[in-house]
Amino acid sequence: MRFVRNYSSLLLFVLLLAGIPFFVEDPYFLSILVFVGIYSIATMGLNLLMGYAGQISLGHAAFYAIGAYTSGILTSQYNVNFFLSGGCAIALAVVVAYIIGIPCLRLKGHYLAMGTLAFGEIVYIFLNATVDFTGGPSGIAAIPEFRVGEFFFDSDLKFYILVWCIFILLFVVTRNIVHSRMGRALRSLHGSEQAASAMGVNVADLKVKVFVLSAAYAALAGVLYAHFVTFISPQTSDLMFSIRLVTMVVVGGMGHLWGCVLGSAILTVLPEMLSYFEDYDMLIYGCILLGMVMFLPGGLTRGAEMLYAKCVKKAGKRGDA
């Protein structure tokens, strides 16, 4: 009963995911849901960094690209096993995040944002410049589809099941982290680094750990993306994609695990609806971010919780009357 009580919302979400394929036969719609799942994995890690630890990153697309390119190159050019290539991709992202995180996380506020932005631009330039290794601006095509033994994930439905199963597993792991001693330390870090340090939290070590963990989530999402689309290009690491990930976290709700799903869903469907305004996508995302910060700083999930609490309070007052 305790498990059902703690994970009731997740169980309902699993039932919803399981039911969608029975009512949706359009492969295009299923592919959109696959992208929502991939972005949800990436933003779940970024939410740990931003929403819980209070550290902003404008270069998270770089870790996404590291995962995608490493697995894509190893499988397409060297015929490496999928699990090994995925493990190498995540390991490389973790090592790079650790090396970058130690100096960058000494910075605060907009200085930290600029530091991570510079790292993302370095990765973007590297992917464009190393034509013989990464394909340069043309990217890498013919990346093999993901498979386990002789079972190929060669349809949108199969990949939909794979991505959302991985998301559910990571959601449970992340929820346990949030409600653990580390999660409490992260929230104290978000509130005040000085107070957290005074309470015995190793601030520098904790910031590097959560940065590395969020990079691992982004790299895993990049691996899934590479083997779903079977094509990657430097655009997977550009500034616009990093801003898009940050916008997903802010719109969904920082410091709320369900916010990553809501923000990813909205900002995956929105570009499809605004395809006629492609040249103004940076402006649109900027306006969304500004509007959320000004009028709904807690994101849509926090806003929904506040609205629900107000409705319950009003209903209680009417009942007393």
C-alpha atoms as a PDB file:
ATOM      1  CA  MET A   1       0.000   0.000   0.000  1.00  0.00           C
ATOM      2  CA  ARG A   2       2.847   2.392   0.757  1.00  0.00           C
ATOM      3  CA  PHE A   3       4.333   1.783  -2.694  1.00  0.00           C
ATOM      4  CA  VAL A   4       0.971   2.484  -4.364  1.00  0.00           C
ATOM      5  CA  ARG A   5       0.548   5.647  -2.287  1.00  0.00           C
ATOM      6  CA  ASN A   6       4.031   6.948  -3.110  1.00  0.00           C
ATOM      7  CA  TYR A   7       3.916   6.067  -6.793  1.00  0.00           C
ATOM      8  CA  SER A   8       0.205   6.511  -7.577  1.00  0.00           C
ATOM      9  CA  SER A   9       0.830   9.307 -10.097  1.00  0.00           C
ATOM     10  CA  LEU A  10       3.556   7.254 -11.808  1.00  0.00           C
ATOM     11  CA  LEU A  11       1.278   4.192 -12.009  1.00  0.00           C
ATOM     12  CA  LEU A  12      -1.444   6.297 -13.630  1.00  0.00           C
ATOM     13  CA  PHE A  13       1.122   7.684 -16.064  1.00  0.00           C
ATOM     14  CA  VAL A  14       2.299   4.157 -16.942  1.00  0.00           C
ATOM     15  CA  LEU A  15      -1.311   3.131 -17.640  1.00  0.00           C
ATOM     16  CA  LEU A  16      -1.691   6.184 -19.887  1.00  0.00           C
ATOM     17  CA  LEU A  17       1.491   5.343 -21.796  1.00  0.00           C
ATOM     18  CA  ALA A  18       0.412   1.714 -22.159  1.00  0.00           C
ATOM     19  CA  GLY A  19      -2.974   2.736 -23.530  1.00  0.00           C
ATOM     20  CA  ILE A  20      -1.788   5.269 -26.116  1.00  0.00           C
ATOM     21  CA  PRO A  21      -0.605   2.723 -28.740  1.00  0.00           C
ATOM     22  CA  PHE A  22      -4.075   1.108 -28.745  1.00  0.00           C
ATOM     23  CA  PHE A  23      -5.714   4.393 -29.740  1.00  0.00           C
ATOM     24  CA  VAL A  24      -2.968   5.968 -31.846  1.00  0.00           C
ATOM     25  CA  GLU A  25      -1.954   4.288 -35.070  1.00  0.00           C
ATOM     26  CA  ASP A  26      -0.316   7.267 -36.767  1.00  0.00           C
ATOM     27  CA  PRO A  27       3.488   6.645 -36.786  1.00  0.00           C
ATOM     28  CA  TYR A  28       4.100  10.400 -36.898  1.00  0.00           C
ATOM     29  CA  PHE A  29       2.295  10.960 -33.597  1.00  0.00           C
ATOM     30  CA  LEU A  30       4.185   8.076 -32.005  1.00  0.00           C
ATOM     31  CA  SER A  31       7.483   9.556 -33.213  1.00  0.00           C
ATOM     32  CA  ILE A  32       6.543  12.854 -31.541  1.00  0.00           C
ATOM     33  CA  LEU A  33       5.957  10.948 -28.285  1.00  0.00           C
ATOM     34  CA  VAL A  34       9.360   9.268 -28.679  1.00  0.00           C
ATOM     35  CA  PHE A  35      10.994  12.703 -28.897  1.00  0.00           C
ATOM     36  CA  VAL A  36       9.011  13.819 -25.840  1.00  0.00           C
ATOM     37  CA  GLY A  37      10.418  10.827 -23.943  1.00  0.00           C
ATOM     38  CA  ILE A  38      13.989  11.511 -25.085  1.00  0.00           C
ATOM     39  CA  TYR A  39      13.779  15.183 -24.120  1.00  0.00           C
ATOM     40  CA  SER A  40      12.148  14.249 -20.809  1.00  0.00           C
ATOM     41  CA  ILE A  41      15.198  12.150 -19.933  1.00  0.00           C
ATOM     42  CA  ALA A  42      17.566  15.012 -20.792  1.00  0.00           C
ATOM     43  CA  THR A  43      15.530  17.632 -18.908  1.00  0.00           C
ATOM     44  CA  MET A  44      15.106  15.372 -15.864  1.00  0.00           C
ATOM     45  CA  GLY A  45      18.861  15.553 -15.349  1.00  0.00           C
ATOM     46  CA  LEU A  46      18.915  19.280 -16.090  1.00  0.00           C
ATOM     47  CA  ASN A  47      16.090  19.763 -13.584  1.00  0.00           C
ATOM     48  CA  LEU A  48      18.247  18.160 -10.895  1.00  0.00           C
ATOM     49  CA  LEU A  49      20.949  20.687 -11.700  1.00  0.00           C
ATOM     50  CA  MET A  50      18.749  23.773 -12.085  1.00  0.00           C
ATOM     51  CA  GLY A  51      15.577  23.088 -10.138  1.00  0.00           C
ATOM     52  CA  TYR A  52      17.085  21.353  -7.117  1.00  0.00           C
ATOM     53  CA  ALA A  53      20.713  22.528  -6.966  1.00  0.00           C
ATOM     54  CA  GLY A  54      20.078  25.994  -8.409  1.00  0.00           C
ATOM     55  CA  GLN A  55      22.958  25.812 -10.942  1.00  0.00           C
ATOM     56  CA  ILE A  56      22.188  26.983 -14.475  1.00  0.00           C
ATOM     57  CA  SER A  57      23.729  25.421 -17.581  1.00  0.00           C
ATOM     58  CA  LEU A  58      23.526  26.825 -21.112  1.00  0.00           C
ATOM     59  CA  GLY A  59      25.764  24.140 -22.566  1.00  0.00           C
ATOM     60  CA  HIS A  60      23.848  20.976 -21.783  1.00  0.00           C
ATOM     61  CA  ALA A  61      23.267  20.269 -25.464  1.00  0.00           C
ATOM     62  CA  ALA A  62      27.010  19.539 -25.647  1.00  0.00           C
ATOM     63  CA  PHE A  63      26.631  16.461 -23.417  1.00  0.00           C
ATOM     64  CA  TYR A  64      23.611  15.405 -25.487  1.00  0.00           C
ATOM     65  CA  ALA A  65      25.785  15.648 -28.613  1.00  0.00           C
ATOM     66  CA  ILE A  66      28.699  13.809 -26.968  1.00  0.00           C
ATOM     67  CA  GLY A  67      26.379  10.892 -26.246  1.00  0.00           C
ATOM     68  CA  ALA A  68      24.876  10.923 -29.739  1.00  0.00           C
ATOM     69  CA  TYR A  69      28.177  11.252 -31.617  1.00  0.00           C
ATOM     70  CA  THR A  70      30.133   8.753 -29.515  1.00  0.00           C
ATOM     71  CA  SER A  71      27.532   6.009 -29.863  1.00  0.00           C
ATOM     72  CA  GLY A  72      26.856   6.895 -33.498  1.00  0.00           C
ATOM     73  CA  ILE A  73      30.531   6.766 -34.494  1.00  0.00           C
ATOM     74  CA  LEU A  74      31.296   3.573 -32.574  1.00  0.00           C
ATOM     75  CA  THR A  75      28.340   1.638 -33.989  1.00  0.00           C
ATOM     76  CA  SER A  76      28.400   2.936 -37.569  1.00  0.00           C
ATOM     77  CA  GLN A  77      32.154   3.058 -38.191  1.00  0.00           C
ATOM     78  CA  TYR A  78      33.571   0.423 -35.824  1.00  0.00           C
ATOM     79  CA  ASN A  79      30.641  -2.018 -35.421  1.00  0.00           C
ATOM     80  CA  VAL A  80      30.799  -1.778 -31.638  1.00  0.00           C
ATOM     81  CA  ASN A  81      28.067  -3.474 -29.581  1.00  0.00           C
ATOM     82  CA  PHE A  82      25.171  -1.129 -28.779  1.00  0.00           C
ATOM     83  CA  PHE A  83      25.415  -1.531 -25.011  1.00  0.00           C
ATOM     84  CA  LEU A  84      29.179  -0.987 -25.081  1.00  0.00           C
ATOM     85  CA  SER A  85      28.888   2.065 -27.342  1.00  0.00           C
ATOM     86  CA  GLY A  86      26.156   3.528 -25.145  1.00  0.00           C
ATOM     87  CA  GLY A  87      28.232   2.893 -22.018  1.00  0.00           C
ATOM     88  CA  CYS A  88      31.270   4.534 -23.632  1.00  0.00           C
ATOM     89  CA  ALA A  89      29.151   7.525 -24.662  1.00  0.00           C
ATOM     90  CA  ILE A  90      27.838   8.079 -21.139  1.00  0.00           C
ATOM     91  CA  ALA A  91      31.292   7.485 -19.621  1.00  0.00           C
ATOM     92  CA  LEU A  92      32.881  10.064 -21.946  1.00  0.00           C
ATOM     93  CA  ALA A  93      30.185  12.621 -21.085  1.00  0.00           C
ATOM     94  CA  VAL A  94      30.744  11.958 -17.367  1.00  0.00           C
ATOM     95  CA  VAL A  95      34.526  12.436 -17.667  1.00  0.00           C
ATOM     96  CA  VAL A  96      34.132  15.635 -19.691  1.00  0.00           C
ATOM     97  CA  ALA A  97      31.503  16.948 -17.251  1.00  0.00           C
ATOM     98  CA  TYR A  98      33.835  16.272 -14.315  1.00  0.00           C
ATOM     99  CA  ILE A  99      36.736  18.064 -15.995  1.00  0.00           C
ATOM    100  CA  ILE A 100      34.567  21.025 -17.027  1.00  0.00           C
ATOM    101  CA  GLY A 101      32.536  21.090 -13.826  1.00  0.00           C
ATOM    102  CA  ILE A 102      35.434  21.620 -11.404  1.00  0.00           C
ATOM    103  CA  PRO A 103      36.415  25.074 -12.772  1.00  0.00           C
ATOM    104  CA  CYS A 104      32.990  26.141 -14.091  1.00  0.00           C
ATOM    105  CA  LEU A 105      31.055  25.426 -10.896  1.00  0.00           C
ATOM    106  CA  ARG A 106      33.308  27.795  -8.992  1.00  0.00           C
ATOM    107  CA  LEU A 107      31.399  30.500 -10.861  1.00  0.00           C
ATOM    108  CA  LYS A 108      27.961  31.729  -9.852  1.00  0.00           C
ATOM    109  CA  GLY A 109      24.912  33.221 -11.534  1.00  0.00           C
ATOM    110  CA  HIS A 110      25.354  34.605 -15.024  1.00  0.00           C
ATOM    111  CA  TYR A 111      29.107  33.870 -14.882  1.00  0.00           C
ATOM    112  CA  LEU A 112      28.278  30.164 -14.595  1.00  0.00           C
ATOM    113  CA  ALA A 113      25.822  30.494 -17.471  1.00  0.00           C
ATOM    114  CA  MET A 114      28.521  32.115 -19.629  1.00  0.00           C
ATOM    115  CA  GLY A 115      31.044  29.423 -18.676  1.00  0.00           C
ATOM    116  CA  THR A 116      28.753  26.565 -19.694  1.00  0.00           C
ATOM    117  CA  LEU A 117      27.739  28.491 -22.809  1.00  0.00           C
ATOM    118  CA  ALA A 118      31.399  28.747 -23.835  1.00  0.00           C
ATOM    119  CA  PHE A 119      31.845  24.993 -23.332  1.00  0.00           C
ATOM    120  CA  GLY A 120      28.821  24.290 -25.544  1.00  0.00           C
ATOM    121  CA  GLU A 121      30.194  26.538 -28.281  1.00  0.00           C
ATOM    122  CA  ILE A 122      33.583  24.788 -28.136  1.00  0.00           C
ATOM    123  CA  VAL A 123      31.893  21.410 -28.684  1.00  0.00           C
ATOM    124  CA  TYR A 124      29.789  22.866 -31.516  1.00  0.00           C
ATOM    125  CA  ILE A 125      32.889  24.281 -33.269  1.00  0.00           C
ATOM    126  CA  PHE A 126      34.775  20.998 -32.766  1.00  0.00           C
ATOM    127  CA  LEU A 127      31.973  18.960 -34.350  1.00  0.00           C
ATOM    128  CA  ASN A 128      31.880  21.309 -37.352  1.00  0.00           C
ATOM    129  CA  ALA A 129      35.645  21.470 -37.803  1.00  0.00           C
ATOM    130  CA  THR A 130      36.608  17.780 -37.540  1.00  0.00           C
ATOM    131  CA  VAL A 131      35.168  16.717 -40.882  1.00  0.00           C
ATOM    132  CA  ASP A 132      37.128  13.449 -41.170  1.00  0.00           C
ATOM    133  CA  PHE A 133      36.029  12.310 -37.710  1.00  0.00           C
ATOM    134  CA  THR A 134      32.509  13.716 -37.200  1.00  0.00           C
ATOM    135  CA  GLY A 135      31.444  14.471 -40.760  1.00  0.00           C
ATOM    136  CA  GLY A 136      31.575  18.206 -40.113  1.00  0.00           C
ATOM    137  CA  PRO A 137      28.441  20.217 -40.950  1.00  0.00           C
ATOM    138  CA  SER A 138      27.066  17.246 -42.924  1.00  0.00           C
ATOM    139  CA  GLY A 139      26.976  15.075 -39.815  1.00  0.00           C
ATOM    140  CA  ILE A 140      26.867  11.279 -39.721  1.00  0.00           C
ATOM    141  CA  ALA A 141      24.236   9.252 -41.533  1.00  0.00           C
ATOM    142  CA  ALA A 142      23.342   5.553 -41.672  1.00  0.00           C
ATOM    143  CA  ILE A 143      23.637   5.044 -37.918  1.00  0.00           C
ATOM    144  CA  PRO A 144      22.324   1.525 -37.197  1.00  0.00           C
ATOM    145  CA  GLU A 145      19.031   1.067 -35.402  1.00  0.00           C
ATOM    146  CA  PHE A 146      19.166  -0.046 -31.800  1.00  0.00           C
ATOM    147  CA  ARG A 147      18.932  -3.775 -31.226  1.00  0.00           C
ATOM    148  CA  VAL A 148      19.179  -6.319 -28.429  1.00  0.00           C
ATOM    149  CA  GLY A 149      20.579  -9.569 -29.769  1.00  0.00           C
ATOM    150  CA  GLU A 150      18.536 -10.271 -32.883  1.00  0.00           C
ATOM    151  CA  PHE A 151      15.651  -8.041 -31.832  1.00  0.00           C
ATOM    152  CA  PHE A 152      15.664  -4.733 -33.705  1.00  0.00           C
ATOM    153  CA  PHE A 153      13.864  -1.594 -32.515  1.00  0.00           C
ATOM    154  CA  ASP A 154      12.976  -0.826 -36.104  1.00  0.00           C
ATOM    155  CA  SER A 155       9.583   0.824 -35.642  1.00  0.00           C
ATOM    156  CA  ASP A 156       8.241   3.880 -33.844  1.00  0.00           C
ATOM    157  CA  LEU A 157       6.147   1.679 -31.560  1.00  0.00           C
ATOM    158  CA  LYS A 158       9.111  -0.437 -30.431  1.00  0.00           C
ATOM    159  CA  PHE A 159      11.240   2.628 -29.787  1.00  0.00           C
ATOM    160  CA  TYR A 160       8.334   4.299 -27.984  1.00  0.00           C
ATOM    161  CA  ILE A 161       8.212   1.369 -25.553  1.00  0.00           C
ATOM    162  CA  LEU A 162      12.014   1.397 -25.115  1.00  0.00           C
ATOM    163  CA  VAL A 163      12.308   5.139 -24.454  1.00  0.00           C
ATOM    164  CA  TRP A 164       9.443   5.348 -21.985  1.00  0.00           C
ATOM    165  CA  CYS A 165      10.578   2.237 -20.097  1.00  0.00           C
ATOM    166  CA  ILE A 166      13.984   3.885 -19.656  1.00  0.00           C
ATOM    167  CA  PHE A 167      12.280   7.109 -18.577  1.00  0.00           C
ATOM    168  CA  ILE A 168      10.167   5.317 -15.945  1.00  0.00           C
ATOM    169  CA  LEU A 169      13.239   3.550 -14.558  1.00  0.00           C
ATOM    170  CA  LEU A 170      15.165   6.833 -14.355  1.00  0.00           C
ATOM    171  CA  PHE A 171      12.143   8.597 -12.863  1.00  0.00           C
ATOM    172  CA  VAL A 172      12.079   6.118  -9.966  1.00  0.00           C
ATOM    173  CA  VAL A 173      15.853   6.479  -9.474  1.00  0.00           C
ATOM    174  CA  THR A 174      15.643  10.283  -9.611  1.00  0.00           C
ATOM    175  CA  ARG A 175      12.704  10.397  -7.229  1.00  0.00           C
ATOM    176  CA  ASN A 176      14.679   8.329  -4.728  1.00  0.00           C
ATOM    177  CA  ILE A 177      17.619  10.728  -5.109  1.00  0.00           C
ATOM    178  CA  VAL A 178      15.366  13.747  -4.547  1.00  0.00           C
ATOM    179  CA  HIS A 179      13.924  12.240  -1.356  1.00  0.00           C
ATOM    180  CA  SER A 180      17.308  11.055  -0.073  1.00  0.00           C
ATOM    181  CA  ARG A 181      19.933  12.842   1.980  1.00  0.00           C
ATOM    182  CA  MET A 182      21.533  14.028  -1.263  1.00  0.00           C
ATOM    183  CA  GLY A 183      18.234  15.532  -2.399  1.00  0.00           C
ATOM    184  CA  ARG A 184      17.864  17.454   0.849  1.00  0.00           C
ATOM    185  CA  ALA A 185      21.434  18.698   0.459  1.00  0.00           C
ATOM    186  CA  LEU A 186      20.647  19.844  -3.103  1.00  0.00           C
ATOM    187  CA  ARG A 187      17.625  21.825  -1.923  1.00  0.00           C
ATOM    188  CA  SER A 188      19.673  23.436   0.827  1.00  0.00           C
ATOM    189  CA  LEU A 189      22.287  24.320  -1.793  1.00  0.00           C
ATOM    190  CA  HIS A 190      19.596  25.967  -3.885  1.00  0.00           C
ATOM    191  CA  GLY A 191      18.418  28.014  -0.918  1.00  0.00           C
ATOM    192  CA  SER A 192      21.821  29.260   0.251  1.00  0.00           C
ATOM    193  CA  GLU A 193      25.289  27.895  -0.405  1.00  0.00           C
ATOM    194  CA  GLN A 194      26.609  29.568   2.753  1.00  0.00           C
ATOM    195  CA  ALA A 195      23.894  28.025   4.938  1.00  0.00           C
ATOM    196  CA  ALA A 196      24.392  24.602   3.308  1.00  0.00           C
ATOM    197  CA  SER A 197      28.128  24.806   3.947  1.00  0.00           C
ATOM    198  CA  ALA A 198      27.503  25.821   7.562  1.00  0.00           C
ATOM    199  CA  MET A 199      25.330  22.709   7.990  1.00  0.00           C
ATOM    200  CA  GLY A 200      28.191  20.473   6.865  1.00  0.00           C
ATOM    201  CA  VAL A 201      27.367  20.080   3.151  1.00  0.00           C
ATOM    202  CA  ASN A 202      30.427  19.815   0.907  1.00  0.00           C
ATOM    203  CA  VAL A 203      29.151  22.416  -1.553  1.00  0.00           C
ATOM    204  CA  ALA A 204      31.884  22.143  -4.205  1.00  0.00           C
ATOM    205  CA  ASP A 205      31.772  18.338  -4.283  1.00  0.00           C
ATOM    206  CA  LEU A 206      27.962  18.224  -4.401  1.00  0.00           C
ATOM    207  CA  LYS A 207      27.757  20.695  -7.291  1.00  0.00           C
ATOM    208  CA  VAL A 208      30.220  18.657  -9.345  1.00  0.00           C
ATOM    209  CA  LYS A 209      28.328  15.422  -8.573  1.00  0.00           C
ATOM    210  CA  VAL A 210      24.946  16.757  -9.686  1.00  0.00           C
ATOM    211  CA  PHE A 211      26.542  18.342 -12.777  1.00  0.00           C
ATOM    212  CA  VAL A 212      28.088  14.999 -13.735  1.00  0.00           C
ATOM    213  CA  LEU A 213      24.801  13.165 -13.076  1.00  0.00           C
ATOM    214  CA  SER A 214      22.829  15.591 -15.232  1.00  0.00           C
ATOM    215  CA  ALA A 215      25.425  15.185 -18.011  1.00  0.00           C
ATOM    216  CA  ALA A 216      24.958  11.382 -17.873  1.00  0.00           C
ATOM    217  CA  TYR A 217      21.182  11.819 -18.347  1.00  0.00           C
ATOM    218  CA  ALA A 218      21.774  14.131 -21.322  1.00  0.00           C
ATOM    219  CA  ALA A 219      24.276  11.711 -22.897  1.00  0.00           C
ATOM    220  CA  LEU A 220      21.831   8.805 -22.550  1.00  0.00           C
ATOM    221  CA  ALA A 221      19.142  10.901 -24.237  1.00  0.00           C
ATOM    222  CA  GLY A 222      21.623  11.680 -27.016  1.00  0.00           C
ATOM    223  CA  VAL A 223      22.368   7.970 -27.514  1.00  0.00           C
ATOM    224  CA  LEU A 224      18.652   7.223 -27.862  1.00  0.00           C
ATOM    225  CA  TYR A 225      18.233  10.125 -30.272  1.00  0.00           C
ATOM    226  CA  ALA A 226      21.096   8.976 -32.509  1.00  0.00           C
ATOM    227  CA  HIS A 227      19.737   5.445 -32.898  1.00  0.00           C
ATOM    228  CA  PHE A 228      16.151   6.596 -33.367  1.00  0.00           C
ATOM    229  CA  VAL A 229      16.805   9.232 -36.046  1.00  0.00           C
ATOM    230  CA  THR A 230      19.856   7.322 -37.414  1.00  0.00           C
ATOM    231  CA  PHE A 231      21.399  10.689 -38.318  1.00  0.00           C
ATOM    232  CA  ILE A 232      23.205  13.337 -36.260  1.00  0.00           C
ATOM    233  CA  SER A 233      24.649  16.761 -37.051  1.00  0.00           C
ATOM    234  CA  PRO A 234      26.313  19.583 -35.070  1.00  0.00           C
ATOM    235  CA  GLN A 235      22.889  21.186 -34.568  1.00  0.00           C
ATOM    236  CA  THR A 236      22.400  18.742 -31.693  1.00  0.00           C
ATOM    237  CA  SER A 237      24.927  20.788 -29.702  1.00  0.00           C
ATOM    238  CA  ASP A 238      24.115  24.361 -30.725  1.00  0.00           C
ATOM    239  CA  LEU A 239      23.035  27.155 -28.396  1.00  0.00           C
ATOM    240  CA  MET A 240      19.429  27.027 -29.562  1.00  0.00           C
ATOM    241  CA  PHE A 241      19.019  23.441 -28.386  1.00  0.00           C
ATOM    242  CA  SER A 242      20.546  24.252 -24.990  1.00  0.00           C
ATOM    243  CA  ILE A 243      18.099  27.139 -24.604  1.00  0.00           C
ATOM    244  CA  ARG A 244      15.294  24.838 -25.636  1.00  0.00           C
ATOM    245  CA  LEU A 245      16.226  22.357 -22.879  1.00  0.00           C
ATOM    246  CA  VAL A 246      16.371  25.151 -20.300  1.00  0.00           C
ATOM    247  CA  THR A 247      12.998  26.442 -21.501  1.00  0.00           C
ATOM    248  CA  MET A 248      11.498  22.973 -21.091  1.00  0.00           C
ATOM    249  CA  VAL A 249      12.644  22.890 -17.467  1.00  0.00           C
ATOM    250  CA  VAL A 250      11.393  26.410 -16.714  1.00  0.00           C
ATOM    251  CA  VAL A 251       8.023  25.961 -18.427  1.00  0.00           C
ATOM    252  CA  GLY A 252       7.381  22.547 -16.869  1.00  0.00           C
ATOM    253  CA  GLY A 253       8.476  23.606 -13.413  1.00  0.00           C
ATOM    254  CA  MET A 254      11.903  23.705 -11.803  1.00  0.00           C
ATOM    255  CA  GLY A 255      12.231  21.458  -8.798  1.00  0.00           C
ATOM    256  CA  HIS A 256       9.334  19.236  -9.899  1.00  0.00           C
ATOM    257  CA  LEU A 257      10.001  15.893 -11.602  1.00  0.00           C
ATOM    258  CA  TRP A 258       6.760  15.904 -13.570  1.00  0.00           C
ATOM    259  CA  GLY A 259       7.718  19.294 -14.936  1.00  0.00           C
ATOM    260  CA  CYS A 260      10.265  17.701 -17.270  1.00  0.00           C
ATOM    261  CA  VAL A 261       7.515  15.690 -18.979  1.00  0.00           C
ATOM    262  CA  LEU A 262       5.102  18.620 -19.232  1.00  0.00           C
ATOM    263  CA  GLY A 263       7.737  21.063 -20.475  1.00  0.00           C
ATOM    264  CA  SER A 264       9.134  18.548 -22.979  1.00  0.00           C
ATOM    265  CA  ALA A 265       5.666  17.756 -24.318  1.00  0.00           C
ATOM    266  CA  ILE A 266       4.712  21.407 -24.771  1.00  0.00           C
ATOM    267  CA  LEU A 267       7.980  22.470 -26.393  1.00  0.00           C
ATOM    268  CA  THR A 268       8.101  19.419 -28.670  1.00  0.00           C
ATOM    269  CA  VAL A 269       4.588  19.984 -29.989  1.00  0.00           C
ATOM    270  CA  LEU A 270       4.905  23.799 -30.101  1.00  0.00           C
ATOM    271  CA  PRO A 271       7.563  23.911 -32.873  1.00  0.00           C
ATOM    272  CA  GLU A 272       5.299  21.729 -35.011  1.00  0.00           C
ATOM    273  CA  MET A 273       2.507  24.268 -34.541  1.00  0.00           C
ATOM    274  CA  LEU A 274       4.831  27.247 -35.132  1.00  0.00           C
ATOM    275  CA  SER A 275       6.657  25.868 -38.153  1.00  0.00           C
ATOM    276  CA  TYR A 276       5.704  28.989 -40.136  1.00  0.00           C
ATOM    277  CA  PHE A 277       7.672  31.127 -37.666  1.00  0.00           C
ATOM    278  CA  GLU A 278      10.887  29.096 -37.855  1.00  0.00           C
ATOM    279  CA  ASP A 279      13.041  32.209 -38.381  1.00  0.00           C
ATOM    280  CA  TYR A 280      11.781  33.658 -35.110  1.00  0.00           C
ATOM    281  CA  ASP A 281      12.161  30.585 -32.889  1.00  0.00           C
ATOM    282  CA  MET A 282      14.779  32.263 -30.659  1.00  0.00           C
ATOM    283  CA  LEU A 283      12.422  35.212 -30.119  1.00  0.00           C
ATOM    284  CA  ILE A 284       9.498  32.909 -29.307  1.00  0.00           C
ATOM    285  CA  TYR A 285      11.499  30.882 -26.768  1.00  0.00           C
ATOM    286  CA  GLY A 286      12.793  34.096 -25.221  1.00  0.00           C
ATOM    287  CA  CYS A 287       9.252  35.451 -24.826  1.00  0.00           C
ATOM    288  CA  ILE A 288       8.114  32.150 -23.268  1.00  0.00           C
ATOM    289  CA  LEU A 289      10.996  32.237 -20.780  1.00  0.00           C
ATOM    290  CA  LEU A 290      10.354  35.894 -19.915  1.00  0.00           C
ATOM    291  CA  GLY A 291       6.640  35.289 -19.471  1.00  0.00           C
ATOM    292  CA  MET A 292       7.179  32.271 -17.222  1.00  0.00           C
ATOM    293  CA  VAL A 293       9.734  34.071 -15.051  1.00  0.00           C
ATOM    294  CA  MET A 294       7.494  37.128 -14.672  1.00  0.00           C
ATOM    295  CA  PHE A 295       4.071  35.566 -14.213  1.00  0.00           C
ATOM    296  CA  LEU A 296       4.575  31.901 -13.293  1.00  0.00           C
ATOM    297  CA  PRO A 297       8.105  31.447 -11.886  1.00  0.00           C
ATOM    298  CA  GLY A 298       7.262  28.036 -10.467  1.00  0.00           C
ATOM    299  CA  GLY A 299       6.346  26.639 -13.890  1.00  0.00           C
ATOM    300  CA  LEU A 300       3.112  25.035 -15.024  1.00  0.00           C
ATOM    301  CA  THR A 301       3.234  22.183 -12.503  1.00  0.00           C
ATOM    302  CA  ARG A 302       3.589  24.578  -9.576  1.00  0.00           C
ATOM    303  CA  GLY A 303       0.883  26.771 -11.077  1.00  0.00           C
ATOM    304  CA  ALA A 304      -1.462  23.794 -11.391  1.00  0.00           C
ATOM    305  CA  GLU A 305      -0.786  22.828  -7.760  1.00  0.00           C
ATOM    306  CA  MET A 306      -1.520  26.388  -6.595  1.00  0.00           C
ATOM    307  CA  LEU A 307      -4.730  26.514  -8.643  1.00  0.00           C
ATOM    308  CA  TYR A 308      -5.838  23.150  -7.235  1.00  0.00           C
ATOM    309  CA  ALA A 309      -5.116  24.321  -3.668  1.00  0.00           C
ATOM    310  CA  LYS A 310      -7.151  27.493  -4.232  1.00  0.00           C
ATOM    311  CA  CYS A 311     -10.087  25.501  -5.633  1.00  0.00           C
ATOM    312  CA  VAL A 312     -10.015  23.130  -2.650  1.00  0.00           C
ATOM    313  CA  LYS A 313      -9.845  26.065  -0.255  1.00  0.00           C
ATOM    314  CA  LYS A 314     -12.796  27.790  -1.907  1.00  0.00           C
ATOM    315  CA  ALA A 315     -14.796  24.550  -1.912  1.00  0.00           C
ATOM    316  CA  GLY A 316     -14.050  24.138   1.812  1.00  0.00           C
ATOM    317  CA  LYS A 317     -15.264  27.660   2.556  1.00  0.00           C
ATOM    318  CA  ARG A 318     -18.494  27.066   0.644  1.00  0.00           C
ATOM    319  CA  GLY A 319     -19.036  23.811   2.544  1.00  0.00           C
ATOM    320  CA  ASP A 320     -18.574  25.596   5.882  1.00  0.00           C
ATOM    321  CA  ALA A 321     -21.017  28.264   4.807  1.00  0.00           C
END
